[in-house]
Amino acid sequence: MPQVIAVTSEKGGVGKSTLSVHLTGAFQERGLSAVLVDEDGRVGSAVRWARRGPGLPFPVLEPEDVKPKKLREADVVIIDTEGRPKRKELRLLGERADLILVPSGVSMLELEATAELMNFFHEDPQTRRRTRVVVNRVPPIGKAGEAAREDLRESGVTVCNTLVRSYAAYVRAAELGVLCRDVPTRDQGAERAAQAWADIVTLSRELL
């Protein structure tokens, strides 16, 4: 059976779909068979992303297109969950997913919302073991990401070591329907796109 990683958050604008798309691509690049399931039917960011460009190097499925055979043949399945899911749905993630990944930005508002969600997940010991935060959309300059990571850890939250920095390559990738590694760039832009992709690959290795 594949490893199932659910990416979820109760706060909008934390880069949930961008992270889901790129993590799936990183697993695929590493030689794993990866599938992305877009469960956010209201917005469908990942599905729209895939349709916008020449095609992503992995399947992007809507829930009604998911077939057991497709998932059995995969090494890893990423679930881009509904935006701002209800607590009942979040509770079910503990049963469906091997790992629940919660992206969080570095602002106080985002960190407080993340801490509140993690407190909810920690009510169930089994779900607590499967849940961790990734500090996302980190300013490339300065120590805001490191500070946010340590603040969360001090509150008892499990946090990924990898910080995913904020680069314009992600925005351009969404516009073109590709991964940030495939965004046509020159000079300094190419270097930053490579750095963005390196963050994702490093995170993927930390997770699986």
C-alpha atoms as a PDB file:
ATOM      1  CA  MET A   1       0.000   0.000   0.000  1.00  0.00           C
ATOM      2  CA  PRO A   2       1.237   3.530  -0.716  1.00  0.00           C
ATOM      3  CA  GLN A   3       2.262   6.011   1.938  1.00  0.00           C
ATOM      4  CA  VAL A   4      -0.518   8.590   2.255  1.00  0.00           C
ATOM      5  CA  ILE A   5       0.438  12.180   3.086  1.00  0.00           C
ATOM      6  CA  ALA A   6      -2.376  14.667   3.687  1.00  0.00           C
ATOM      7  CA  VAL A   7      -1.591  18.389   3.430  1.00  0.00           C
ATOM      8  CA  THR A   8      -4.089  20.446   5.388  1.00  0.00           C
ATOM      9  CA  SER A   9      -4.666  23.722   7.207  1.00  0.00           C
ATOM     10  CA  GLU A  10      -7.494  25.676   8.771  1.00  0.00           C
ATOM     11  CA  LYS A  11      -6.036  28.931   7.456  1.00  0.00           C
ATOM     12  CA  GLY A  12      -6.062  30.066   3.856  1.00  0.00           C
ATOM     13  CA  GLY A  13      -3.058  31.483   2.055  1.00  0.00           C
ATOM     14  CA  VAL A  14      -0.437  29.187   3.579  1.00  0.00           C
ATOM     15  CA  GLY A  15       0.564  27.597   0.265  1.00  0.00           C
ATOM     16  CA  LYS A  16      -1.178  24.258   0.787  1.00  0.00           C
ATOM     17  CA  SER A  17      -1.782  23.457  -2.871  1.00  0.00           C
ATOM     18  CA  THR A  18       1.604  24.776  -4.005  1.00  0.00           C
ATOM     19  CA  LEU A  19       3.270  22.527  -1.457  1.00  0.00           C
ATOM     20  CA  SER A  20       1.121  19.529  -2.456  1.00  0.00           C
ATOM     21  CA  VAL A  21       1.880  19.900  -6.158  1.00  0.00           C
ATOM     22  CA  HIS A  22       5.605  20.308  -5.654  1.00  0.00           C
ATOM     23  CA  LEU A  23       5.980  17.547  -3.085  1.00  0.00           C
ATOM     24  CA  THR A  24       4.308  15.134  -5.484  1.00  0.00           C
ATOM     25  CA  GLY A  25       6.712  16.250  -8.196  1.00  0.00           C
ATOM     26  CA  ALA A  26       9.711  15.790  -5.913  1.00  0.00           C
ATOM     27  CA  PHE A  27       8.705  12.233  -5.040  1.00  0.00           C
ATOM     28  CA  GLN A  28       8.217  11.502  -8.735  1.00  0.00           C
ATOM     29  CA  GLU A  29      11.643  12.918  -9.593  1.00  0.00           C
ATOM     30  CA  ARG A  30      13.190  10.671  -6.963  1.00  0.00           C
ATOM     31  CA  GLY A  31      11.860   7.630  -8.782  1.00  0.00           C
ATOM     32  CA  LEU A  32       8.749   6.995  -6.704  1.00  0.00           C
ATOM     33  CA  SER A  33       5.343   6.522  -8.284  1.00  0.00           C
ATOM     34  CA  ALA A  34       3.394   9.496  -6.939  1.00  0.00           C
ATOM     35  CA  VAL A  35      -0.259  10.532  -7.244  1.00  0.00           C
ATOM     36  CA  LEU A  36      -1.881  13.800  -6.161  1.00  0.00           C
ATOM     37  CA  VAL A  37      -5.532  13.774  -5.104  1.00  0.00           C
ATOM     38  CA  ASP A  38      -7.227  17.188  -5.091  1.00  0.00           C
ATOM     39  CA  GLU A  39     -10.028  17.027  -2.523  1.00  0.00           C
ATOM     40  CA  ASP A  40     -10.669  20.761  -2.517  1.00  0.00           C
ATOM     41  CA  GLY A  41     -13.685  20.577  -4.808  1.00  0.00           C
ATOM     42  CA  ARG A  42     -14.692  24.178  -4.191  1.00  0.00           C
ATOM     43  CA  VAL A  43     -11.405  25.638  -5.433  1.00  0.00           C
ATOM     44  CA  GLY A  44      -9.638  22.721  -7.107  1.00  0.00           C
ATOM     45  CA  SER A  45      -6.278  24.493  -7.145  1.00  0.00           C
ATOM     46  CA  ALA A  46      -4.220  21.421  -8.004  1.00  0.00           C
ATOM     47  CA  VAL A  47      -6.567  20.271 -10.774  1.00  0.00           C
ATOM     48  CA  ARG A  48      -6.631  23.756 -12.290  1.00  0.00           C
ATOM     49  CA  TRP A  49      -2.845  23.914 -12.017  1.00  0.00           C
ATOM     50  CA  ALA A  50      -2.470  20.678 -13.988  1.00  0.00           C
ATOM     51  CA  ARG A  51      -4.922  21.783 -16.681  1.00  0.00           C
ATOM     52  CA  ARG A  52      -3.311  25.176 -17.126  1.00  0.00           C
ATOM     53  CA  GLY A  53      -0.073  23.928 -18.645  1.00  0.00           C
ATOM     54  CA  PRO A  54       1.430  21.132 -20.719  1.00  0.00           C
ATOM     55  CA  GLY A  55       0.764  18.607 -17.987  1.00  0.00           C
ATOM     56  CA  LEU A  56       2.458  17.694 -14.735  1.00  0.00           C
ATOM     57  CA  PRO A  57       4.701  14.597 -14.567  1.00  0.00           C
ATOM     58  CA  PHE A  58       2.260  12.737 -12.305  1.00  0.00           C
ATOM     59  CA  PRO A  59      -1.507  12.101 -12.143  1.00  0.00           C
ATOM     60  CA  VAL A  60      -3.709  14.743 -10.504  1.00  0.00           C
ATOM     61  CA  LEU A  61      -7.042  13.177  -9.597  1.00  0.00           C
ATOM     62  CA  GLU A  62     -10.350  14.466  -8.340  1.00  0.00           C
ATOM     63  CA  PRO A  63     -12.004  12.270  -5.683  1.00  0.00           C
ATOM     64  CA  GLU A  64     -14.497  10.779  -8.146  1.00  0.00           C
ATOM     65  CA  ASP A  65     -11.612   9.689 -10.393  1.00  0.00           C
ATOM     66  CA  VAL A  66      -9.767   7.803  -7.672  1.00  0.00           C
ATOM     67  CA  LYS A  67      -9.705   4.073  -8.319  1.00  0.00           C
ATOM     68  CA  PRO A  68      -8.215   1.553  -5.865  1.00  0.00           C
ATOM     69  CA  LYS A  69      -6.004   0.066  -8.575  1.00  0.00           C
ATOM     70  CA  LYS A  70      -4.398   3.432  -9.341  1.00  0.00           C
ATOM     71  CA  LEU A  71      -3.590   3.997  -5.698  1.00  0.00           C
ATOM     72  CA  ARG A  72      -2.308   0.465  -5.090  1.00  0.00           C
ATOM     73  CA  GLU A  73       0.249   0.931  -7.844  1.00  0.00           C
ATOM     74  CA  ALA A  74       1.549   4.168  -6.285  1.00  0.00           C
ATOM     75  CA  ASP A  75       4.389   4.461  -3.788  1.00  0.00           C
ATOM     76  CA  VAL A  76       3.049   7.677  -2.306  1.00  0.00           C
ATOM     77  CA  VAL A  77      -0.299   9.486  -2.464  1.00  0.00           C
ATOM     78  CA  ILE A  78      -0.508  13.186  -1.600  1.00  0.00           C
ATOM     79  CA  ILE A  79      -3.935  14.499  -0.588  1.00  0.00           C
ATOM     80  CA  ASP A  80      -4.508  18.227  -1.032  1.00  0.00           C
ATOM     81  CA  THR A  81      -7.388  18.539   1.409  1.00  0.00           C
ATOM     82  CA  GLU A  82     -10.332  20.879   1.340  1.00  0.00           C
ATOM     83  CA  GLY A  83      -9.564  24.457   2.266  1.00  0.00           C
ATOM     84  CA  ARG A  84     -10.476  25.172   5.881  1.00  0.00           C
ATOM     85  CA  PRO A  85     -11.923  21.714   6.571  1.00  0.00           C
ATOM     86  CA  LYS A  86     -14.337  21.060   9.391  1.00  0.00           C
ATOM     87  CA  ARG A  87     -13.009  19.490  12.576  1.00  0.00           C
ATOM     88  CA  LYS A  88     -14.951  16.292  11.884  1.00  0.00           C
ATOM     89  CA  GLU A  89     -13.115  15.909   8.570  1.00  0.00           C
ATOM     90  CA  LEU A  90      -9.790  16.690  10.198  1.00  0.00           C
ATOM     91  CA  ARG A  91     -10.401  13.989  12.776  1.00  0.00           C
ATOM     92  CA  LEU A  92     -10.878  11.453   9.980  1.00  0.00           C
ATOM     93  CA  LEU A  93      -7.497  12.336   8.519  1.00  0.00           C
ATOM     94  CA  GLY A  94      -5.878  10.568  11.435  1.00  0.00           C
ATOM     95  CA  GLU A  95      -7.406   7.343  10.150  1.00  0.00           C
ATOM     96  CA  ARG A  96      -6.806   7.946   6.437  1.00  0.00           C
ATOM     97  CA  ALA A  97      -3.273   9.308   6.346  1.00  0.00           C
ATOM     98  CA  ASP A  98       0.098   7.953   7.419  1.00  0.00           C
ATOM     99  CA  LEU A  99       1.305  11.537   7.797  1.00  0.00           C
ATOM    100  CA  ILE A 100      -0.570  14.833   8.193  1.00  0.00           C
ATOM    101  CA  LEU A 101       1.474  17.820   7.068  1.00  0.00           C
ATOM    102  CA  VAL A 102       0.364  21.278   8.230  1.00  0.00           C
ATOM    103  CA  PRO A 103       1.998  24.202   6.389  1.00  0.00           C
ATOM    104  CA  SER A 104       2.407  27.434   8.318  1.00  0.00           C
ATOM    105  CA  GLY A 105       3.782  30.841   7.489  1.00  0.00           C
ATOM    106  CA  VAL A 106       5.930  32.829   9.899  1.00  0.00           C
ATOM    107  CA  SER A 107       3.526  35.580  10.986  1.00  0.00           C
ATOM    108  CA  MET A 108       2.117  35.560  14.493  1.00  0.00           C
ATOM    109  CA  LEU A 109      -1.422  35.105  13.150  1.00  0.00           C
ATOM    110  CA  GLU A 110      -0.379  32.029  11.149  1.00  0.00           C
ATOM    111  CA  LEU A 111       1.629  30.542  13.990  1.00  0.00           C
ATOM    112  CA  GLU A 112      -1.231  30.970  16.450  1.00  0.00           C
ATOM    113  CA  ALA A 113      -3.687  29.314  14.031  1.00  0.00           C
ATOM    114  CA  THR A 114      -1.231  26.467  13.475  1.00  0.00           C
ATOM    115  CA  ALA A 115      -0.689  25.955  17.198  1.00  0.00           C
ATOM    116  CA  GLU A 116      -4.458  25.817  17.736  1.00  0.00           C
ATOM    117  CA  LEU A 117      -4.867  23.199  15.014  1.00  0.00           C
ATOM    118  CA  MET A 118      -1.996  21.133  16.390  1.00  0.00           C
ATOM    119  CA  ASN A 119      -3.576  21.222  19.847  1.00  0.00           C
ATOM    120  CA  PHE A 120      -6.664  19.685  18.257  1.00  0.00           C
ATOM    121  CA  PHE A 121      -4.645  16.957  16.548  1.00  0.00           C
ATOM    122  CA  HIS A 122      -2.803  16.240  19.803  1.00  0.00           C
ATOM    123  CA  GLU A 123      -6.060  15.250  21.508  1.00  0.00           C
ATOM    124  CA  ASP A 124      -5.680  11.844  19.836  1.00  0.00           C
ATOM    125  CA  PRO A 125      -2.291  10.220  20.637  1.00  0.00           C
ATOM    126  CA  GLN A 126      -2.273   8.270  17.375  1.00  0.00           C
ATOM    127  CA  THR A 127      -2.973  11.349  15.271  1.00  0.00           C
ATOM    128  CA  ARG A 128      -0.387  13.319  17.231  1.00  0.00           C
ATOM    129  CA  ARG A 129       2.331  10.889  16.179  1.00  0.00           C
ATOM    130  CA  ARG A 130       1.366  11.300  12.535  1.00  0.00           C
ATOM    131  CA  THR A 131       1.185  15.099  12.422  1.00  0.00           C
ATOM    132  CA  ARG A 132       3.923  17.631  11.829  1.00  0.00           C
ATOM    133  CA  VAL A 133       4.246  21.232  10.709  1.00  0.00           C
ATOM    134  CA  VAL A 134       6.306  22.533   7.806  1.00  0.00           C
ATOM    135  CA  VAL A 135       7.258  26.200   7.991  1.00  0.00           C
ATOM    136  CA  ASN A 136       6.356  27.488   4.544  1.00  0.00           C
ATOM    137  CA  ARG A 137       6.517  30.746   2.571  1.00  0.00           C
ATOM    138  CA  VAL A 138       9.597  31.741   4.544  1.00  0.00           C
ATOM    139  CA  PRO A 139      11.321  35.019   3.598  1.00  0.00           C
ATOM    140  CA  PRO A 140      14.598  34.008   1.909  1.00  0.00           C
ATOM    141  CA  ILE A 141      16.495  36.668   3.849  1.00  0.00           C
ATOM    142  CA  GLY A 142      16.609  36.802   7.625  1.00  0.00           C
ATOM    143  CA  LYS A 143      15.931  34.370  10.456  1.00  0.00           C
ATOM    144  CA  ALA A 144      12.115  34.482  10.570  1.00  0.00           C
ATOM    145  CA  GLY A 145      11.812  30.856   9.485  1.00  0.00           C
ATOM    146  CA  GLU A 146      14.235  29.551  12.088  1.00  0.00           C
ATOM    147  CA  ALA A 147      12.529  31.596  14.801  1.00  0.00           C
ATOM    148  CA  ALA A 148       9.068  30.303  13.829  1.00  0.00           C
ATOM    149  CA  ARG A 149      10.296  26.717  13.761  1.00  0.00           C
ATOM    150  CA  GLU A 150      11.821  26.976  17.234  1.00  0.00           C
ATOM    151  CA  ASP A 151       8.780  28.747  18.700  1.00  0.00           C
ATOM    152  CA  LEU A 152       6.547  25.914  17.494  1.00  0.00           C
ATOM    153  CA  ARG A 153       8.911  23.292  18.852  1.00  0.00           C
ATOM    154  CA  GLU A 154       9.009  24.980  22.236  1.00  0.00           C
ATOM    155  CA  SER A 155       5.208  24.701  22.341  1.00  0.00           C
ATOM    156  CA  GLY A 156       5.487  20.920  21.915  1.00  0.00           C
ATOM    157  CA  VAL A 157       4.803  20.718  18.176  1.00  0.00           C
ATOM    158  CA  THR A 158       6.730  18.411  15.839  1.00  0.00           C
ATOM    159  CA  VAL A 159       8.169  20.565  13.050  1.00  0.00           C
ATOM    160  CA  CYS A 160      10.085  19.582   9.923  1.00  0.00           C
ATOM    161  CA  ASN A 161      13.711  20.711   9.826  1.00  0.00           C
ATOM    162  CA  THR A 162      13.358  21.891   6.235  1.00  0.00           C
ATOM    163  CA  LEU A 163      12.196  25.461   5.723  1.00  0.00           C
ATOM    164  CA  VAL A 164      10.396  26.107   2.430  1.00  0.00           C
ATOM    165  CA  ARG A 165      11.360  29.577   1.299  1.00  0.00           C
ATOM    166  CA  SER A 166       9.115  31.936  -0.666  1.00  0.00           C
ATOM    167  CA  TYR A 167      10.212  32.525  -4.252  1.00  0.00           C
ATOM    168  CA  ALA A 168       8.477  34.082  -7.247  1.00  0.00           C
ATOM    169  CA  ALA A 169       9.167  30.848  -9.149  1.00  0.00           C
ATOM    170  CA  TYR A 170       6.254  29.214  -7.325  1.00  0.00           C
ATOM    171  CA  VAL A 171       3.829  31.887  -8.499  1.00  0.00           C
ATOM    172  CA  ARG A 172       5.102  31.637 -12.056  1.00  0.00           C
ATOM    173  CA  ALA A 173       4.864  27.841 -11.923  1.00  0.00           C
ATOM    174  CA  ALA A 174       1.187  28.052 -10.962  1.00  0.00           C
ATOM    175  CA  GLU A 175       0.522  30.477 -13.818  1.00  0.00           C
ATOM    176  CA  LEU A 176       2.199  28.174 -16.366  1.00  0.00           C
ATOM    177  CA  GLY A 177       0.892  24.901 -14.963  1.00  0.00           C
ATOM    178  CA  VAL A 178       4.356  23.458 -14.337  1.00  0.00           C
ATOM    179  CA  LEU A 179       6.715  22.789 -11.438  1.00  0.00           C
ATOM    180  CA  CYS A 180       9.035  25.583 -10.304  1.00  0.00           C
ATOM    181  CA  ARG A 181      12.013  23.596 -11.630  1.00  0.00           C
ATOM    182  CA  ASP A 182      10.492  23.901 -15.129  1.00  0.00           C
ATOM    183  CA  VAL A 183       9.816  27.648 -15.106  1.00  0.00           C
ATOM    184  CA  PRO A 184      11.751  29.301 -17.949  1.00  0.00           C
ATOM    185  CA  THR A 185      14.121  31.740 -16.246  1.00  0.00           C
ATOM    186  CA  ARG A 186      17.443  33.461 -16.767  1.00  0.00           C
ATOM    187  CA  ASP A 187      20.408  34.367 -14.616  1.00  0.00           C
ATOM    188  CA  GLN A 188      19.350  35.154 -11.037  1.00  0.00           C
ATOM    189  CA  GLY A 189      15.811  33.877 -11.638  1.00  0.00           C
ATOM    190  CA  ALA A 190      17.171  30.479 -12.616  1.00  0.00           C
ATOM    191  CA  GLU A 191      19.224  30.319  -9.446  1.00  0.00           C
ATOM    192  CA  ARG A 192      16.204  31.159  -7.289  1.00  0.00           C
ATOM    193  CA  ALA A 193      14.016  28.599  -9.074  1.00  0.00           C
ATOM    194  CA  ALA A 194      16.702  25.994  -8.385  1.00  0.00           C
ATOM    195  CA  GLN A 195      16.771  27.012  -4.723  1.00  0.00           C
ATOM    196  CA  ALA A 196      12.972  26.739  -4.526  1.00  0.00           C
ATOM    197  CA  TRP A 197      13.062  23.249  -6.004  1.00  0.00           C
ATOM    198  CA  ALA A 198      15.932  22.212  -3.710  1.00  0.00           C
ATOM    199  CA  ASP A 199      13.839  23.139  -0.663  1.00  0.00           C
ATOM    200  CA  ILE A 200      11.032  20.858  -1.848  1.00  0.00           C
ATOM    201  CA  VAL A 201      13.299  17.920  -2.654  1.00  0.00           C
ATOM    202  CA  THR A 202      14.975  18.244   0.745  1.00  0.00           C
ATOM    203  CA  LEU A 203      11.578  18.258   2.438  1.00  0.00           C
ATOM    204  CA  SER A 204      10.485  15.184   0.472  1.00  0.00           C
ATOM    205  CA  ARG A 205      13.556  13.277   1.696  1.00  0.00           C
ATOM    206  CA  GLU A 206      12.786  14.273   5.262  1.00  0.00           C
ATOM    207  CA  LEU A 207       9.242  12.926   4.933  1.00  0.00           C
ATOM    208  CA  LEU A 208       9.920   9.691   3.029  1.00  0.00           C
END
